[in-house]
Amino acid sequence: AFLAIVPNIAMRNQQISAFAFGGTSLLIIIGVALETVQEIEAYMMMRHYKGFMK
């Protein structure tokens, strides 16, 4: 519910048009950011894994 309200608040405070900043684009941006963080964490875990390498 919060994500649906954020574009309206941003439009009021920053004078951004409704087409430039919508709820769907916000969900996509958040999804991509979370996926990127997960990929970086997985890469770092694999980089420091010493299991079968010994």
C-alpha atoms as a PDB file:
ATOM      1  CA  ALA A   1       0.000   0.000   0.000  1.00  0.00           C
ATOM      2  CA  PHE A   2       2.885   2.346   0.758  1.00  0.00           C
ATOM      3  CA  LEU A   3       4.328   1.917  -2.741  1.00  0.00           C
ATOM      4  CA  ALA A   4       1.024   3.005  -4.256  1.00  0.00           C
ATOM      5  CA  ILE A   5       1.091   6.280  -2.297  1.00  0.00           C
ATOM      6  CA  VAL A   6       4.760   7.194  -2.876  1.00  0.00           C
ATOM      7  CA  PRO A   7       4.279   8.519  -6.451  1.00  0.00           C
ATOM      8  CA  ASN A   8       1.490  10.837  -5.291  1.00  0.00           C
ATOM      9  CA  ILE A   9       3.618  12.207  -2.467  1.00  0.00           C
ATOM     10  CA  ALA A  10       6.584  12.688  -4.794  1.00  0.00           C
ATOM     11  CA  MET A  11       4.444  14.492  -7.372  1.00  0.00           C
ATOM     12  CA  ARG A  12       3.157  16.927  -4.748  1.00  0.00           C
ATOM     13  CA  ASN A  13       6.540  17.652  -3.202  1.00  0.00           C
ATOM     14  CA  GLN A  14       8.749  17.722  -6.300  1.00  0.00           C
ATOM     15  CA  GLN A  15       6.336  18.753  -9.080  1.00  0.00           C
ATOM     16  CA  ILE A  16       7.109  15.580 -11.066  1.00  0.00           C
ATOM     17  CA  SER A  17       4.637  14.567 -13.758  1.00  0.00           C
ATOM     18  CA  ALA A  18       2.577  11.413 -13.268  1.00  0.00           C
ATOM     19  CA  PHE A  19       3.974   9.816 -16.414  1.00  0.00           C
ATOM     20  CA  ALA A  20       7.601  10.163 -15.365  1.00  0.00           C
ATOM     21  CA  PHE A  21       7.231   8.516 -11.953  1.00  0.00           C
ATOM     22  CA  GLY A  22       4.547   5.863 -11.489  1.00  0.00           C
ATOM     23  CA  GLY A  23       3.937   2.985  -9.131  1.00  0.00           C
ATOM     24  CA  THR A  24       4.917   0.367 -11.693  1.00  0.00           C
ATOM     25  CA  SER A  25       8.256   1.977 -12.434  1.00  0.00           C
ATOM     26  CA  LEU A  26       8.916   2.269  -8.709  1.00  0.00           C
ATOM     27  CA  LEU A  27       8.277  -1.465  -8.260  1.00  0.00           C
ATOM     28  CA  ILE A  28      10.612  -2.270 -11.148  1.00  0.00           C
ATOM     29  CA  ILE A  29      13.376  -0.061  -9.732  1.00  0.00           C
ATOM     30  CA  ILE A  30      13.078  -1.630  -6.272  1.00  0.00           C
ATOM     31  CA  GLY A  31      13.016  -5.146  -7.749  1.00  0.00           C
ATOM     32  CA  VAL A  32      16.138  -4.529  -9.812  1.00  0.00           C
ATOM     33  CA  ALA A  33      17.939  -2.993  -6.836  1.00  0.00           C
ATOM     34  CA  LEU A  34      17.110  -5.965  -4.588  1.00  0.00           C
ATOM     35  CA  GLU A  35      18.166  -8.463  -7.258  1.00  0.00           C
ATOM     36  CA  THR A  36      21.446  -6.615  -7.770  1.00  0.00           C
ATOM     37  CA  VAL A  37      22.206  -6.693  -4.045  1.00  0.00           C
ATOM     38  CA  GLN A  38      21.468 -10.433  -3.939  1.00  0.00           C
ATOM     39  CA  GLU A  39      23.765 -11.086  -6.905  1.00  0.00           C
ATOM     40  CA  ILE A  40      26.591  -9.105  -5.299  1.00  0.00           C
ATOM     41  CA  GLU A  41      26.181 -10.977  -2.011  1.00  0.00           C
ATOM     42  CA  ALA A  42      26.191 -14.340  -3.821  1.00  0.00           C
ATOM     43  CA  TYR A  43      29.330 -13.367  -5.738  1.00  0.00           C
ATOM     44  CA  MET A  44      31.096 -12.346  -2.537  1.00  0.00           C
ATOM     45  CA  MET A  45      30.120 -15.615  -0.830  1.00  0.00           C
ATOM     46  CA  MET A  46      31.449 -17.670  -3.763  1.00  0.00           C
ATOM     47  CA  ARG A  47      34.637 -15.650  -3.845  1.00  0.00           C
ATOM     48  CA  HIS A  48      35.433 -16.416  -0.204  1.00  0.00           C
ATOM     49  CA  TYR A  49      34.264 -20.058  -0.251  1.00  0.00           C
ATOM     50  CA  LYS A  50      37.125 -22.459   0.467  1.00  0.00           C
ATOM     51  CA  GLY A  51      35.158 -25.758   0.532  1.00  0.00           C
ATOM     52  CA  PHE A  52      36.509 -28.173  -2.091  1.00  0.00           C
ATOM     53  CA  MET A  53      39.437 -26.007  -3.104  1.00  0.00           C
ATOM     54  CA  LYS A  54      41.687 -27.400  -0.333  1.00  0.00           C
END
